[in-house]
């Protein structure tokens, strides 16, 4: 099903995830590396990846691995994206559950992708179901997601680029569908602990409190 150039792209992606997994296992087995580096990504971004200057950090201030795939129009980006999810689930996360955020840049592509991923007879959905063990949930911005959904399924959250390029915290503020991921408003101790763990959540929590 994959064309030759798509197979080469997927092979490179699989190699990247395999290298990350090797670094992760080495990091987890060495207290000295843990004390010196803080997280396994710093170890992974050495050797043949040292030339790449991209060093993104999460809301918790930790490095995380990021790879970009550039393909021409009509090159099969959707199929390669699905193969990338499958490779990540199989080679790095090594589980069938989790959360994937899928961002589309045009409404037509967004709607077409949603339709195909909802259709259990379509090859795209079938490939995702193979990765999730037939536990795939396709959701859109505003639809409720619970921690249990992510723990028990492969959740694909579809967004338009306009939503994703705004302040990320605004996505959570605009929707009441993600409240179960955060402590209740009167649990100030838990809010404090969450902010200390992930400082960027402070903005979202304050906005929600003011609106209430």
C-alpha atoms as a PDB file:
ATOM      1  CA  UNK A   1       0.000   0.000   0.000  1.00  0.00           C
ATOM      2  CA  UNK A   2       2.851   2.381   0.782  1.00  0.00           C
ATOM      3  CA  UNK A   3       4.836   3.718  -2.173  1.00  0.00           C
ATOM      4  CA  UNK A   4       8.604   3.355  -2.164  1.00  0.00           C
ATOM      5  CA  UNK A   5       9.323   6.938  -1.070  1.00  0.00           C
ATOM      6  CA  UNK A   6       6.693   6.640   1.684  1.00  0.00           C
ATOM      7  CA  UNK A   7       8.355   3.447   2.900  1.00  0.00           C
ATOM      8  CA  UNK A   8      11.673   5.319   3.133  1.00  0.00           C
ATOM      9  CA  UNK A   9      10.031   8.075   5.184  1.00  0.00           C
ATOM     10  CA  UNK A  10       8.395   5.574   7.528  1.00  0.00           C
ATOM     11  CA  UNK A  11      11.697   3.692   7.870  1.00  0.00           C
ATOM     12  CA  UNK A  12      13.438   6.905   8.953  1.00  0.00           C
ATOM     13  CA  UNK A  13      10.670   7.602  11.472  1.00  0.00           C
ATOM     14  CA  UNK A  14      10.960   4.092  12.886  1.00  0.00           C
ATOM     15  CA  UNK A  15      14.730   4.523  13.166  1.00  0.00           C
ATOM     16  CA  UNK A  16      14.209   7.778  15.092  1.00  0.00           C
ATOM     17  CA  UNK A  17      11.800   6.150  17.538  1.00  0.00           C
ATOM     18  CA  UNK A  18      14.102   3.159  17.973  1.00  0.00           C
ATOM     19  CA  UNK A  19      17.005   5.479  18.810  1.00  0.00           C
ATOM     20  CA  UNK A  20      14.823   7.331  21.316  1.00  0.00           C
ATOM     21  CA  UNK A  21      13.856   4.038  22.938  1.00  0.00           C
ATOM     22  CA  UNK A  22      17.491   2.951  23.243  1.00  0.00           C
ATOM     23  CA  UNK A  23      18.351   6.279  24.889  1.00  0.00           C
ATOM     24  CA  UNK A  24      15.342   6.005  27.190  1.00  0.00           C
ATOM     25  CA  UNK A  25      16.293   2.523  28.386  1.00  0.00           C
ATOM     26  CA  UNK A  26      19.913   3.554  28.905  1.00  0.00           C
ATOM     27  CA  UNK A  27      18.819   6.643  30.841  1.00  0.00           C
ATOM     28  CA  UNK A  28      16.403   4.727  33.064  1.00  0.00           C
ATOM     29  CA  UNK A  29      19.097   2.170  33.907  1.00  0.00           C
ATOM     30  CA  UNK A  30      21.666   4.777  34.992  1.00  0.00           C
ATOM     31  CA  UNK A  31      21.177   6.938  38.128  1.00  0.00           C
ATOM     32  CA  UNK A  32      24.260   8.930  37.102  1.00  0.00           C
ATOM     33  CA  UNK A  33      22.697   9.894  33.758  1.00  0.00           C
ATOM     34  CA  UNK A  34      19.448  10.770  35.483  1.00  0.00           C
ATOM     35  CA  UNK A  35      21.246  13.085  37.902  1.00  0.00           C
ATOM     36  CA  UNK A  36      23.346  14.689  35.167  1.00  0.00           C
ATOM     37  CA  UNK A  37      20.789  15.119  32.390  1.00  0.00           C
ATOM     38  CA  UNK A  38      17.358  15.268  34.017  1.00  0.00           C
ATOM     39  CA  UNK A  39      15.500  13.459  31.210  1.00  0.00           C
ATOM     40  CA  UNK A  40      16.268  10.941  28.505  1.00  0.00           C
ATOM     41  CA  UNK A  41      15.706  13.370  25.621  1.00  0.00           C
ATOM     42  CA  UNK A  42      18.950  15.174  26.464  1.00  0.00           C
ATOM     43  CA  UNK A  43      20.737  11.843  26.023  1.00  0.00           C
ATOM     44  CA  UNK A  44      18.863  11.039  22.823  1.00  0.00           C
ATOM     45  CA  UNK A  45      19.802  14.371  21.222  1.00  0.00           C
ATOM     46  CA  UNK A  46      23.463  13.453  21.038  1.00  0.00           C
ATOM     47  CA  UNK A  47      25.496  11.514  18.489  1.00  0.00           C
ATOM     48  CA  UNK A  48      23.961  11.706  15.043  1.00  0.00           C
ATOM     49  CA  UNK A  49      21.196  14.010  16.329  1.00  0.00           C
ATOM     50  CA  UNK A  50      23.573  16.544  17.931  1.00  0.00           C
ATOM     51  CA  UNK A  51      23.621  18.578  14.699  1.00  0.00           C
ATOM     52  CA  UNK A  52      19.925  19.393  15.048  1.00  0.00           C
ATOM     53  CA  UNK A  53      19.411  22.576  17.044  1.00  0.00           C
ATOM     54  CA  UNK A  54      15.691  22.068  17.720  1.00  0.00           C
ATOM     55  CA  UNK A  55      15.368  21.759  21.503  1.00  0.00           C
ATOM     56  CA  UNK A  56      11.679  22.254  22.387  1.00  0.00           C
ATOM     57  CA  UNK A  57      10.534  22.165  26.005  1.00  0.00           C
ATOM     58  CA  UNK A  58       7.226  21.088  27.502  1.00  0.00           C
ATOM     59  CA  UNK A  59       5.052  23.094  29.884  1.00  0.00           C
ATOM     60  CA  UNK A  60       7.023  21.452  32.686  1.00  0.00           C
ATOM     61  CA  UNK A  61      10.258  22.845  31.250  1.00  0.00           C
ATOM     62  CA  UNK A  62      11.549  19.457  30.116  1.00  0.00           C
ATOM     63  CA  UNK A  63      13.069  18.675  26.752  1.00  0.00           C
ATOM     64  CA  UNK A  64      10.984  16.520  24.452  1.00  0.00           C
ATOM     65  CA  UNK A  65      11.821  14.956  21.077  1.00  0.00           C
ATOM     66  CA  UNK A  66      10.310  16.533  17.972  1.00  0.00           C
ATOM     67  CA  UNK A  67      10.640  15.538  14.350  1.00  0.00           C
ATOM     68  CA  UNK A  68       9.182  17.257  11.270  1.00  0.00           C
ATOM     69  CA  UNK A  69       8.264  15.477   8.046  1.00  0.00           C
ATOM     70  CA  UNK A  70       8.018  17.611   4.911  1.00  0.00           C
ATOM     71  CA  UNK A  71       6.088  16.151   1.991  1.00  0.00           C
ATOM     72  CA  UNK A  72       4.632  17.652  -1.212  1.00  0.00           C
ATOM     73  CA  UNK A  73       0.924  18.031  -1.914  1.00  0.00           C
ATOM     74  CA  UNK A  74      -0.501  14.655  -2.843  1.00  0.00           C
ATOM     75  CA  UNK A  75       2.414  12.858  -1.234  1.00  0.00           C
ATOM     76  CA  UNK A  76       0.240  10.880   1.152  1.00  0.00           C
ATOM     77  CA  UNK A  77       0.746  12.889   4.338  1.00  0.00           C
ATOM     78  CA  UNK A  78      -2.324  11.426   6.042  1.00  0.00           C
ATOM     79  CA  UNK A  79      -1.166   7.864   5.485  1.00  0.00           C
ATOM     80  CA  UNK A  80       2.367   8.664   6.658  1.00  0.00           C
ATOM     81  CA  UNK A  81       0.921  10.444   9.714  1.00  0.00           C
ATOM     82  CA  UNK A  82      -1.002   7.305  10.632  1.00  0.00           C
ATOM     83  CA  UNK A  83       2.091   5.156  10.119  1.00  0.00           C
ATOM     84  CA  UNK A  84       3.967   7.587  12.393  1.00  0.00           C
ATOM     85  CA  UNK A  85       1.354   7.103  15.121  1.00  0.00           C
ATOM     86  CA  UNK A  86       1.636   3.336  14.722  1.00  0.00           C
ATOM     87  CA  UNK A  87       5.428   3.486  14.922  1.00  0.00           C
ATOM     88  CA  UNK A  88       5.294   5.655  18.041  1.00  0.00           C
ATOM     89  CA  UNK A  89       2.807   3.352  19.773  1.00  0.00           C
ATOM     90  CA  UNK A  90       4.769   0.220  18.897  1.00  0.00           C
ATOM     91  CA  UNK A  91       8.369   1.370  19.277  1.00  0.00           C
ATOM     92  CA  UNK A  92       8.484   4.144  21.871  1.00  0.00           C
ATOM     93  CA  UNK A  93       5.386   4.333  24.054  1.00  0.00           C
ATOM     94  CA  UNK A  94       4.902   0.551  23.712  1.00  0.00           C
ATOM     95  CA  UNK A  95       1.243   0.763  24.577  1.00  0.00           C
ATOM     96  CA  UNK A  96      -2.019   0.893  22.680  1.00  0.00           C
ATOM     97  CA  UNK A  97      -3.501   3.855  24.546  1.00  0.00           C
ATOM     98  CA  UNK A  98      -2.755   7.563  24.807  1.00  0.00           C
ATOM     99  CA  UNK A  99      -3.604  10.933  23.272  1.00  0.00           C
ATOM    100  CA  UNK A 100      -2.736  12.141  19.770  1.00  0.00           C
ATOM    101  CA  UNK A 101      -3.440  15.738  18.703  1.00  0.00           C
ATOM    102  CA  UNK A 102      -4.044  15.888  14.938  1.00  0.00           C
ATOM    103  CA  UNK A 103      -3.943  19.385  13.421  1.00  0.00           C
ATOM    104  CA  UNK A 104      -5.322  20.166   9.951  1.00  0.00           C
ATOM    105  CA  UNK A 105      -4.622  23.424   8.106  1.00  0.00           C
ATOM    106  CA  UNK A 106      -7.687  23.554   5.867  1.00  0.00           C
ATOM    107  CA  UNK A 107     -11.348  22.884   6.593  1.00  0.00           C
ATOM    108  CA  UNK A 108     -11.744  20.565   3.600  1.00  0.00           C
ATOM    109  CA  UNK A 109      -8.829  18.392   4.740  1.00  0.00           C
ATOM    110  CA  UNK A 110     -10.096  18.493   8.318  1.00  0.00           C
ATOM    111  CA  UNK A 111     -13.576  17.284   7.361  1.00  0.00           C
ATOM    112  CA  UNK A 112     -12.264  14.627   4.996  1.00  0.00           C
ATOM    113  CA  UNK A 113      -9.860  13.289   7.635  1.00  0.00           C
ATOM    114  CA  UNK A 114     -12.597  13.232  10.294  1.00  0.00           C
ATOM    115  CA  UNK A 115     -14.907  11.324   7.943  1.00  0.00           C
ATOM    116  CA  UNK A 116     -12.239   8.758   7.048  1.00  0.00           C
ATOM    117  CA  UNK A 117     -11.111   8.218  10.637  1.00  0.00           C
ATOM    118  CA  UNK A 118     -14.684   7.723  11.829  1.00  0.00           C
ATOM    119  CA  UNK A 119     -15.338   5.177   9.068  1.00  0.00           C
ATOM    120  CA  UNK A 120     -14.338   1.768  10.433  1.00  0.00           C
ATOM    121  CA  UNK A 121     -14.285   0.434   6.883  1.00  0.00           C
ATOM    122  CA  UNK A 122     -11.637   2.916   5.749  1.00  0.00           C
ATOM    123  CA  UNK A 123      -8.010   1.817   5.668  1.00  0.00           C
ATOM    124  CA  UNK A 124      -6.920   4.810   7.788  1.00  0.00           C
ATOM    125  CA  UNK A 125      -9.239   3.823  10.627  1.00  0.00           C
ATOM    126  CA  UNK A 126      -8.318   0.176  10.271  1.00  0.00           C
ATOM    127  CA  UNK A 127      -4.619   0.995  10.668  1.00  0.00           C
ATOM    128  CA  UNK A 128      -5.332   3.040  13.790  1.00  0.00           C
ATOM    129  CA  UNK A 129      -7.469   0.235  15.174  1.00  0.00           C
ATOM    130  CA  UNK A 130      -4.551  -2.150  14.676  1.00  0.00           C
ATOM    131  CA  UNK A 131      -2.368   0.186  16.750  1.00  0.00           C
ATOM    132  CA  UNK A 132      -5.005   0.583  19.480  1.00  0.00           C
ATOM    133  CA  UNK A 133      -6.387  -2.945  19.601  1.00  0.00           C
ATOM    134  CA  UNK A 134      -9.736  -1.666  18.251  1.00  0.00           C
ATOM    135  CA  UNK A 135      -9.932   1.000  20.962  1.00  0.00           C
ATOM    136  CA  UNK A 136      -9.761   4.175  18.894  1.00  0.00           C
ATOM    137  CA  UNK A 137     -11.695   7.326  19.819  1.00  0.00           C
ATOM    138  CA  UNK A 138     -11.914  10.210  17.347  1.00  0.00           C
ATOM    139  CA  UNK A 139     -12.938  13.476  19.033  1.00  0.00           C
ATOM    140  CA  UNK A 140     -13.126  17.139  18.055  1.00  0.00           C
ATOM    141  CA  UNK A 141     -12.418  20.274  20.032  1.00  0.00           C
ATOM    142  CA  UNK A 142     -15.205  20.863  22.559  1.00  0.00           C
ATOM    143  CA  UNK A 143     -16.121  17.211  22.942  1.00  0.00           C
ATOM    144  CA  UNK A 144     -15.521  15.889  26.444  1.00  0.00           C
ATOM    145  CA  UNK A 145     -12.429  13.790  27.118  1.00  0.00           C
ATOM    146  CA  UNK A 146     -11.835  12.077  30.444  1.00  0.00           C
ATOM    147  CA  UNK A 147      -8.546  10.752  31.839  1.00  0.00           C
ATOM    148  CA  UNK A 148     -10.121   7.296  31.706  1.00  0.00           C
ATOM    149  CA  UNK A 149     -10.663   7.698  27.945  1.00  0.00           C
ATOM    150  CA  UNK A 150      -6.951   8.326  27.402  1.00  0.00           C
ATOM    151  CA  UNK A 151      -5.928   5.535  29.758  1.00  0.00           C
ATOM    152  CA  UNK A 152      -8.120   2.948  28.040  1.00  0.00           C
ATOM    153  CA  UNK A 153      -8.131   4.078  24.396  1.00  0.00           C
ATOM    154  CA  UNK A 154      -6.086   5.691  21.684  1.00  0.00           C
ATOM    155  CA  UNK A 155      -7.743   9.127  21.587  1.00  0.00           C
ATOM    156  CA  UNK A 156      -7.218  11.237  18.450  1.00  0.00           C
ATOM    157  CA  UNK A 157      -8.156  14.869  19.109  1.00  0.00           C
ATOM    158  CA  UNK A 158      -8.773  16.745  15.855  1.00  0.00           C
ATOM    159  CA  UNK A 159      -8.030  20.477  15.716  1.00  0.00           C
ATOM    160  CA  UNK A 160      -7.927  23.174  13.068  1.00  0.00           C
ATOM    161  CA  UNK A 161      -4.696  25.146  12.837  1.00  0.00           C
ATOM    162  CA  UNK A 162      -6.529  28.301  13.970  1.00  0.00           C
ATOM    163  CA  UNK A 163      -7.202  26.681  17.347  1.00  0.00           C
ATOM    164  CA  UNK A 164      -3.725  25.230  17.725  1.00  0.00           C
ATOM    165  CA  UNK A 165      -1.878  28.487  16.985  1.00  0.00           C
ATOM    166  CA  UNK A 166      -3.665  30.426  19.709  1.00  0.00           C
ATOM    167  CA  UNK A 167      -2.538  30.313  23.324  1.00  0.00           C
ATOM    168  CA  UNK A 168      -2.769  26.596  24.102  1.00  0.00           C
ATOM    169  CA  UNK A 169      -4.317  27.334  27.489  1.00  0.00           C
ATOM    170  CA  UNK A 170      -7.155  29.111  25.658  1.00  0.00           C
ATOM    171  CA  UNK A 171      -8.215  25.778  24.188  1.00  0.00           C
ATOM    172  CA  UNK A 172      -8.914  24.470  27.682  1.00  0.00           C
ATOM    173  CA  UNK A 173     -10.522  27.717  28.812  1.00  0.00           C
ATOM    174  CA  UNK A 174     -12.956  27.735  25.887  1.00  0.00           C
ATOM    175  CA  UNK A 175     -14.190  24.228  26.583  1.00  0.00           C
ATOM    176  CA  UNK A 176     -15.615  22.493  29.608  1.00  0.00           C
ATOM    177  CA  UNK A 177     -14.774  19.136  28.076  1.00  0.00           C
ATOM    178  CA  UNK A 178     -11.406  18.687  29.815  1.00  0.00           C
ATOM    179  CA  UNK A 179     -12.242  19.604  33.416  1.00  0.00           C
ATOM    180  CA  UNK A 180     -11.585  16.108  34.769  1.00  0.00           C
ATOM    181  CA  UNK A 181      -7.886  16.528  33.961  1.00  0.00           C
ATOM    182  CA  UNK A 182      -7.677  19.356  36.501  1.00  0.00           C
ATOM    183  CA  UNK A 183      -8.377  19.526  40.249  1.00  0.00           C
ATOM    184  CA  UNK A 184     -11.716  20.908  41.419  1.00  0.00           C
ATOM    185  CA  UNK A 185     -11.712  24.665  41.979  1.00  0.00           C
ATOM    186  CA  UNK A 186     -11.714  24.434  45.785  1.00  0.00           C
ATOM    187  CA  UNK A 187      -8.650  22.147  45.939  1.00  0.00           C
ATOM    188  CA  UNK A 188      -6.048  24.906  46.204  1.00  0.00           C
ATOM    189  CA  UNK A 189      -3.426  22.459  47.438  1.00  0.00           C
ATOM    190  CA  UNK A 190      -3.761  20.358  44.298  1.00  0.00           C
ATOM    191  CA  UNK A 191      -3.744  23.455  42.082  1.00  0.00           C
ATOM    192  CA  UNK A 192      -0.517  24.588  43.715  1.00  0.00           C
ATOM    193  CA  UNK A 193       1.095  21.183  43.203  1.00  0.00           C
ATOM    194  CA  UNK A 194       0.009  21.123  39.550  1.00  0.00           C
ATOM    195  CA  UNK A 195       1.362  24.623  38.899  1.00  0.00           C
ATOM    196  CA  UNK A 196       4.681  23.674  40.483  1.00  0.00           C
ATOM    197  CA  UNK A 197       4.837  20.600  38.281  1.00  0.00           C
ATOM    198  CA  UNK A 198       3.704  22.336  35.076  1.00  0.00           C
ATOM    199  CA  UNK A 199       4.096  26.141  35.476  1.00  0.00           C
ATOM    200  CA  UNK A 200       2.283  26.986  32.228  1.00  0.00           C
ATOM    201  CA  UNK A 201      -0.995  25.668  33.625  1.00  0.00           C
ATOM    202  CA  UNK A 202      -1.129  28.675  35.981  1.00  0.00           C
ATOM    203  CA  UNK A 203      -2.562  30.906  33.264  1.00  0.00           C
ATOM    204  CA  UNK A 204      -5.372  28.474  32.460  1.00  0.00           C
ATOM    205  CA  UNK A 205      -6.252  27.931  36.118  1.00  0.00           C
ATOM    206  CA  UNK A 206      -6.380  31.644  36.892  1.00  0.00           C
ATOM    207  CA  UNK A 207      -8.575  32.377  33.879  1.00  0.00           C
ATOM    208  CA  UNK A 208     -10.990  29.619  34.784  1.00  0.00           C
ATOM    209  CA  UNK A 209     -11.220  30.885  38.382  1.00  0.00           C
ATOM    210  CA  UNK A 210     -11.949  34.441  37.237  1.00  0.00           C
ATOM    211  CA  UNK A 211     -14.662  33.261  34.851  1.00  0.00           C
ATOM    212  CA  UNK A 212     -16.315  31.223  37.608  1.00  0.00           C
END
